[in-house]
N, C-alpha and C. Protein backbone atom coordinates (compact mmCIF):
# COMPACT_ATOMS: atom_id res chain seq x y z
N MET A 1 -4.90 26.65 -28.69
CA MET A 1 -4.83 27.18 -27.33
C MET A 1 -5.67 26.40 -26.51
N VAL A 2 -6.83 25.74 -27.24
CA VAL A 2 -7.64 24.86 -26.19
C VAL A 2 -6.87 23.65 -25.84
N ARG A 3 -6.28 23.06 -26.99
CA ARG A 3 -5.32 21.87 -26.94
C ARG A 3 -4.48 21.78 -25.36
N LYS A 4 -3.95 23.07 -25.52
CA LYS A 4 -2.59 23.38 -24.63
C LYS A 4 -3.50 23.53 -23.08
N ILE A 5 -4.64 24.06 -23.19
CA ILE A 5 -5.17 24.25 -21.73
C ILE A 5 -5.58 22.80 -21.37
N ILE A 6 -6.01 22.05 -22.14
CA ILE A 6 -6.65 20.47 -22.00
C ILE A 6 -5.57 19.64 -21.45
N LEU A 7 -4.30 19.93 -22.08
CA LEU A 7 -3.24 19.17 -21.78
C LEU A 7 -2.43 19.43 -20.37
N LEU A 8 -2.64 20.73 -19.92
CA LEU A 8 -2.18 21.36 -18.86
C LEU A 8 -3.24 20.84 -17.68
N PHE A 9 -4.54 20.76 -18.00
CA PHE A 9 -5.23 20.14 -16.96
C PHE A 9 -4.87 18.73 -16.66
N ILE A 10 -4.94 18.11 -17.74
CA ILE A 10 -4.66 16.49 -17.76
C ILE A 10 -3.16 16.41 -16.89
N LEU A 11 -2.14 17.18 -17.18
CA LEU A 11 -0.97 17.07 -16.47
C LEU A 11 -1.21 17.40 -14.78
N VAL A 12 -1.80 18.41 -14.58
CA VAL A 12 -2.15 18.90 -13.15
C VAL A 12 -3.11 18.08 -12.63
N SER A 13 -3.99 17.42 -13.23
CA SER A 13 -4.85 16.32 -12.22
C SER A 13 -4.02 15.25 -12.06
N ASN A 14 -3.01 14.75 -13.10
CA ASN A 14 -2.17 13.47 -12.72
C ASN A 14 -1.52 13.78 -11.46
N LEU A 15 -1.21 15.03 -11.46
CA LEU A 15 -0.14 15.38 -10.17
C LEU A 15 -1.08 15.35 -8.63
N PHE A 16 -2.46 15.50 -8.76
CA PHE A 16 -3.11 15.12 -7.75
C PHE A 16 -3.11 13.71 -7.34
N MET A 17 -3.16 12.82 -8.43
CA MET A 17 -3.05 11.45 -8.27
C MET A 17 -1.89 11.00 -7.44
N LEU A 18 -0.79 11.54 -7.00
CA LEU A 18 0.41 11.23 -6.39
C LEU A 18 -0.05 11.21 -4.76
N SER A 19 0.28 10.15 -3.99
CA SER A 19 0.24 10.23 -2.65
C SER A 19 1.22 9.72 -1.89
N CYS A 20 1.41 9.82 -0.54
CA CYS A 20 2.23 9.22 0.11
C CYS A 20 1.67 7.95 0.77
N TYR A 21 1.99 6.65 0.63
CA TYR A 21 1.15 5.54 1.12
C TYR A 21 2.32 4.98 2.00
N THR A 22 1.95 4.42 3.29
CA THR A 22 2.63 3.79 4.27
C THR A 22 2.14 2.62 4.84
N THR A 23 3.30 1.95 4.81
CA THR A 23 3.46 0.19 4.94
C THR A 23 4.34 0.03 6.25
N ARG A 24 3.78 -0.64 7.59
CA ARG A 24 4.79 -0.79 8.34
C ARG A 24 4.98 -2.14 8.43
N VAL A 25 6.50 -2.73 8.26
CA VAL A 25 6.81 -4.04 8.62
C VAL A 25 7.27 -4.14 10.09
N ASP A 26 6.71 -4.75 10.76
CA ASP A 26 7.10 -4.82 12.51
C ASP A 26 7.37 -6.16 12.52
N ALA A 27 8.40 -6.60 13.47
CA ALA A 27 8.59 -8.05 14.07
C ALA A 27 7.79 -8.05 15.09
N PRO A 28 7.42 -9.16 15.41
CA PRO A 28 6.47 -9.27 16.72
C PRO A 28 7.64 -9.51 17.95
N GLN A 29 7.35 -9.13 19.08
CA GLN A 29 8.26 -9.22 20.02
C GLN A 29 7.93 -10.74 20.86
N GLY A 30 9.15 -11.45 21.46
CA GLY A 30 8.90 -12.52 22.03
C GLY A 30 9.00 -13.79 20.99
N LEU A 31 9.33 -13.82 19.83
CA LEU A 31 9.40 -14.77 18.87
C LEU A 31 10.87 -15.49 19.07
N ASP A 32 11.02 -16.87 19.17
CA ASP A 32 12.18 -17.57 19.31
C ASP A 32 13.00 -17.25 18.17
N LYS A 33 12.93 -17.09 17.24
CA LYS A 33 13.45 -16.73 15.90
C LYS A 33 13.65 -15.14 15.39
N ASP A 34 14.70 -14.92 14.88
CA ASP A 34 14.59 -13.54 14.32
C ASP A 34 13.84 -13.57 13.00
N VAL A 35 13.29 -12.17 12.55
CA VAL A 35 12.74 -12.18 11.58
C VAL A 35 13.45 -11.33 10.78
N ILE A 36 13.63 -11.85 9.44
CA ILE A 36 14.58 -11.02 8.48
C ILE A 36 13.37 -10.57 7.33
N LEU A 37 14.17 -9.39 6.56
CA LEU A 37 13.49 -9.00 5.27
C LEU A 37 13.79 -9.91 4.04
N GLY A 38 12.97 -10.21 3.24
CA GLY A 38 13.55 -11.05 2.25
C GLY A 38 13.98 -9.96 0.97
N THR A 39 14.55 -10.56 0.20
CA THR A 39 15.16 -9.81 -1.05
C THR A 39 14.59 -10.28 -2.23
N THR A 40 14.74 -9.47 -3.34
CA THR A 40 14.11 -9.35 -4.42
C THR A 40 14.52 -10.79 -4.99
N ASN A 41 15.54 -11.51 -4.74
CA ASN A 41 15.62 -12.65 -5.48
C ASN A 41 15.24 -14.14 -4.31
N ASP A 42 14.59 -14.05 -3.42
CA ASP A 42 14.03 -14.95 -2.62
C ASP A 42 12.84 -15.53 -3.38
N LEU A 43 12.67 -16.67 -3.15
CA LEU A 43 11.29 -17.30 -3.66
C LEU A 43 10.37 -17.08 -2.40
N CYS A 44 9.33 -16.45 -2.78
CA CYS A 44 8.41 -16.03 -1.64
C CYS A 44 6.97 -16.73 -1.90
N PHE A 45 6.31 -16.67 -1.06
CA PHE A 45 4.83 -17.24 -1.27
C PHE A 45 3.85 -16.26 -0.66
N ASP A 46 2.56 -16.12 -1.17
CA ASP A 46 1.76 -15.13 -0.60
C ASP A 46 0.82 -15.74 0.55
N ILE A 47 1.09 -15.00 1.72
CA ILE A 47 0.41 -15.39 2.84
C ILE A 47 -1.02 -14.93 3.03
N GLU A 48 -0.97 -13.59 2.97
CA GLU A 48 -2.36 -12.79 3.16
C GLU A 48 -2.19 -11.73 2.33
N THR A 49 -3.35 -11.13 1.78
CA THR A 49 -3.49 -10.08 1.10
C THR A 49 -4.69 -9.07 1.54
N ASN A 50 -4.31 -7.85 2.08
CA ASN A 50 -5.31 -6.99 2.54
C ASN A 50 -5.44 -5.46 1.62
N ARG A 51 -6.62 -4.75 1.63
CA ARG A 51 -6.61 -3.82 1.11
C ARG A 51 -6.66 -2.63 2.26
N VAL A 52 -5.82 -1.51 2.04
CA VAL A 52 -5.83 -0.62 2.96
C VAL A 52 -6.32 0.69 2.33
N HIS A 53 -6.73 1.21 3.22
CA HIS A 53 -7.42 2.53 2.68
C HIS A 53 -7.01 3.76 3.57
N TYR A 54 -6.88 4.87 2.81
CA TYR A 54 -6.17 6.06 3.29
C TYR A 54 -6.76 7.24 3.13
N LEU A 55 -6.60 7.99 4.10
CA LEU A 55 -7.16 9.60 4.18
C LEU A 55 -6.02 10.75 3.91
N LEU A 56 -6.41 11.81 3.67
CA LEU A 56 -5.58 12.71 3.54
C LEU A 56 -4.26 12.59 2.68
N TRP A 57 -4.60 12.23 1.46
CA TRP A 57 -3.73 11.91 0.36
C TRP A 57 -2.52 11.07 0.63
N GLY A 58 -3.13 9.94 1.39
CA GLY A 58 -2.39 9.00 1.36
C GLY A 58 -1.76 9.07 2.93
N LEU A 59 -1.58 10.15 3.62
CA LEU A 59 -0.78 10.25 4.71
C LEU A 59 -1.34 9.19 6.05
N VAL A 60 -2.68 9.16 6.16
CA VAL A 60 -3.42 8.59 7.30
C VAL A 60 -3.91 7.25 6.66
N PRO A 61 -3.29 6.07 7.39
CA PRO A 61 -3.92 4.93 6.77
C PRO A 61 -5.31 4.55 7.77
N ILE A 62 -6.35 4.23 7.27
CA ILE A 62 -7.44 3.71 8.11
C ILE A 62 -7.13 2.34 8.33
N GLY A 63 -7.39 2.08 9.66
CA GLY A 63 -7.00 0.70 10.28
C GLY A 63 -5.41 0.45 10.40
N ASN A 64 -5.01 -0.98 10.45
CA ASN A 64 -3.67 -0.99 10.87
C ASN A 64 -3.13 -1.73 9.48
N THR A 65 -1.91 -1.18 9.35
CA THR A 65 -1.12 -1.41 8.03
C THR A 65 0.04 -2.33 8.63
N SER A 66 0.21 -2.66 9.65
CA SER A 66 1.36 -3.28 10.39
C SER A 66 1.26 -5.02 9.93
N SER A 67 2.39 -5.40 9.69
CA SER A 67 2.35 -6.97 9.67
C SER A 67 2.80 -7.95 10.63
N GLU A 68 2.92 -7.32 11.70
CA GLU A 68 3.51 -7.77 13.02
C GLU A 68 2.27 -9.13 13.40
N LYS A 69 1.07 -9.20 13.50
CA LYS A 69 0.20 -9.90 13.97
C LYS A 69 0.17 -11.11 12.88
N ILE A 70 0.22 -10.87 11.56
CA ILE A 70 0.53 -12.11 10.73
C ILE A 70 1.71 -12.84 10.89
N ILE A 71 2.70 -12.13 11.00
CA ILE A 71 4.15 -12.74 11.30
C ILE A 71 4.13 -13.46 12.46
N ALA A 72 3.60 -13.22 13.50
CA ALA A 72 3.55 -13.88 14.72
C ALA A 72 2.54 -15.26 14.50
N GLU A 73 1.27 -15.03 13.94
CA GLU A 73 0.43 -16.04 13.95
C GLU A 73 1.23 -17.27 13.15
N LYS A 74 1.78 -16.97 11.70
CA LYS A 74 2.17 -17.98 11.01
C LYS A 74 3.60 -18.02 11.17
N GLN A 75 4.18 -17.58 12.25
CA GLN A 75 5.50 -18.26 12.73
C GLN A 75 6.50 -17.87 11.18
N ILE A 76 6.52 -16.68 10.40
CA ILE A 76 7.24 -16.44 9.41
C ILE A 76 8.77 -15.87 10.08
N THR A 77 9.94 -16.35 9.52
CA THR A 77 11.03 -16.16 9.89
C THR A 77 11.89 -15.09 8.76
N LYS A 78 11.38 -15.40 7.58
CA LYS A 78 11.65 -14.17 6.55
C LYS A 78 10.64 -13.63 5.72
N VAL A 79 10.57 -12.32 5.77
CA VAL A 79 9.23 -11.94 5.28
C VAL A 79 9.64 -10.71 4.26
N LYS A 80 8.64 -10.66 3.45
CA LYS A 80 8.64 -9.44 2.45
C LYS A 80 7.31 -9.12 2.16
N VAL A 81 6.88 -7.54 2.10
CA VAL A 81 5.57 -6.98 2.08
C VAL A 81 5.88 -6.58 0.55
N LYS A 82 4.64 -6.83 -0.29
CA LYS A 82 4.65 -6.26 -1.52
C LYS A 82 3.28 -5.33 -1.60
N THR A 83 3.39 -4.09 -1.96
CA THR A 83 2.45 -3.17 -2.03
C THR A 83 2.22 -2.81 -3.52
N GLN A 84 0.76 -2.60 -3.78
CA GLN A 84 0.73 -2.82 -5.15
C GLN A 84 -0.77 -2.09 -5.69
N ALA A 85 -1.08 -0.90 -6.72
CA ALA A 85 -2.38 -0.67 -6.96
C ALA A 85 -2.74 -1.40 -8.07
N ASP A 86 -4.05 -1.47 -8.23
CA ASP A 86 -4.50 -2.22 -9.47
C ASP A 86 -5.93 -1.27 -9.76
N PHE A 87 -6.64 -1.63 -10.72
CA PHE A 87 -7.71 -0.91 -11.36
C PHE A 87 -8.49 -0.46 -10.24
N LEU A 88 -9.05 -1.55 -9.38
CA LEU A 88 -9.81 -0.97 -8.25
C LEU A 88 -9.31 -0.07 -7.58
N ASP A 89 -8.21 -0.12 -7.11
CA ASP A 89 -7.25 1.21 -6.17
C ASP A 89 -7.60 2.37 -7.07
N GLY A 90 -6.87 2.35 -8.65
CA GLY A 90 -6.90 3.53 -9.06
C GLY A 90 -8.65 4.25 -9.21
N LEU A 91 -9.36 3.31 -9.57
CA LEU A 91 -10.86 3.93 -9.52
C LEU A 91 -11.27 4.77 -8.13
N LEU A 92 -10.74 3.93 -7.07
CA LEU A 92 -11.19 4.39 -5.78
C LEU A 92 -10.39 5.89 -5.65
N ARG A 93 -9.27 6.02 -5.99
CA ARG A 93 -8.36 7.38 -5.75
C ARG A 93 -9.09 8.53 -6.76
N CYS A 94 -9.54 8.01 -7.77
CA CYS A 94 -10.24 8.85 -8.75
C CYS A 94 -11.73 9.31 -8.14
N VAL A 95 -12.38 8.62 -7.59
CA VAL A 95 -13.41 9.01 -6.72
C VAL A 95 -13.28 9.63 -5.57
N GLY A 96 -12.39 9.52 -4.76
CA GLY A 96 -12.04 10.18 -3.57
C GLY A 96 -11.55 11.50 -4.18
N LEU A 97 -10.61 11.45 -5.15
CA LEU A 97 -10.11 12.95 -5.37
C LEU A 97 -11.37 14.05 -6.12
N MET A 98 -12.39 13.45 -6.75
CA MET A 98 -13.48 13.85 -7.16
C MET A 98 -14.62 14.34 -6.41
N PHE A 99 -14.64 13.56 -5.35
CA PHE A 99 -15.91 14.04 -4.37
C PHE A 99 -15.30 14.44 -3.13
N THR A 100 -14.06 14.09 -2.72
CA THR A 100 -13.82 14.68 -1.32
C THR A 100 -12.39 15.41 -1.60
N SER A 101 -11.95 16.01 -2.83
CA SER A 101 -10.82 16.66 -3.21
C SER A 101 -9.67 16.21 -2.23
N GLY A 102 -9.36 15.02 -2.42
CA GLY A 102 -8.21 14.33 -1.95
C GLY A 102 -8.25 13.68 -0.32
N ILE A 103 -9.38 14.18 0.33
CA ILE A 103 -9.61 13.68 1.98
C ILE A 103 -9.40 12.11 1.90
N TYR A 104 -10.43 11.57 0.92
CA TYR A 104 -10.24 10.30 0.88
C TYR A 104 -9.41 9.91 -0.05
N ALA A 105 -8.23 9.09 0.04
CA ALA A 105 -6.85 9.16 -0.80
C ALA A 105 -7.01 7.48 -1.46
N GLY A 106 -8.15 6.94 -1.32
CA GLY A 106 -8.29 5.36 -2.24
C GLY A 106 -7.62 4.60 -1.39
N SER A 107 -7.20 3.65 -2.12
CA SER A 107 -6.52 2.13 -1.30
C SER A 107 -5.39 1.63 -2.38
N GLU A 108 -4.97 0.71 -1.55
CA GLU A 108 -3.63 0.08 -1.99
C GLU A 108 -3.72 -1.41 -1.57
N SER A 109 -3.35 -2.57 -2.30
CA SER A 109 -3.34 -3.85 -1.78
C SER A 109 -2.11 -3.99 -1.34
N GLN A 110 -1.85 -5.00 0.09
CA GLN A 110 -0.52 -5.23 0.62
C GLN A 110 -0.63 -6.49 1.01
N THR A 111 0.25 -7.17 0.30
CA THR A 111 0.63 -8.56 0.04
C THR A 111 1.70 -9.11 1.32
N ILE A 112 1.53 -10.00 2.16
CA ILE A 112 2.56 -10.22 3.07
C ILE A 112 2.71 -11.69 2.60
N GLN A 113 4.15 -11.96 2.25
CA GLN A 113 4.97 -13.07 1.68
C GLN A 113 5.82 -13.96 2.62
N SER A 114 5.99 -15.15 2.59
CA SER A 114 6.86 -15.87 3.45
C SER A 114 8.08 -16.21 2.62
N CYS A 115 9.16 -16.15 2.48
CA CYS A 115 10.15 -16.40 1.79
C CYS A 115 11.03 -17.50 2.14
N LYS A 116 11.58 -18.10 1.27
CA LYS A 116 12.60 -19.41 1.74
C LYS A 116 14.03 -19.16 1.52
């Protein structure tokens, strides 16, 4: 009986770690060339990596998650945005869940890539 309760607790706890994280990919206005999204088969190079923090179970980003400024500065014409969570992101999510009940939802790494 105790094993079933522990297993149920672990399963329910994992559901709390699921969140909705948003990343905006915006093309800047006024560029000479069109900006298109890269595909999975394109050869891409990392341009910049940001750590984005979120509130309310990942629904509200803290800061700007848009790629518009970086695309304009670097004059990227073919772009891909990769999001991933590493160990630190998972740790921040757990701390946010334990101490803020999900109000602080942790972070996620966002990498902007230029593709050929």
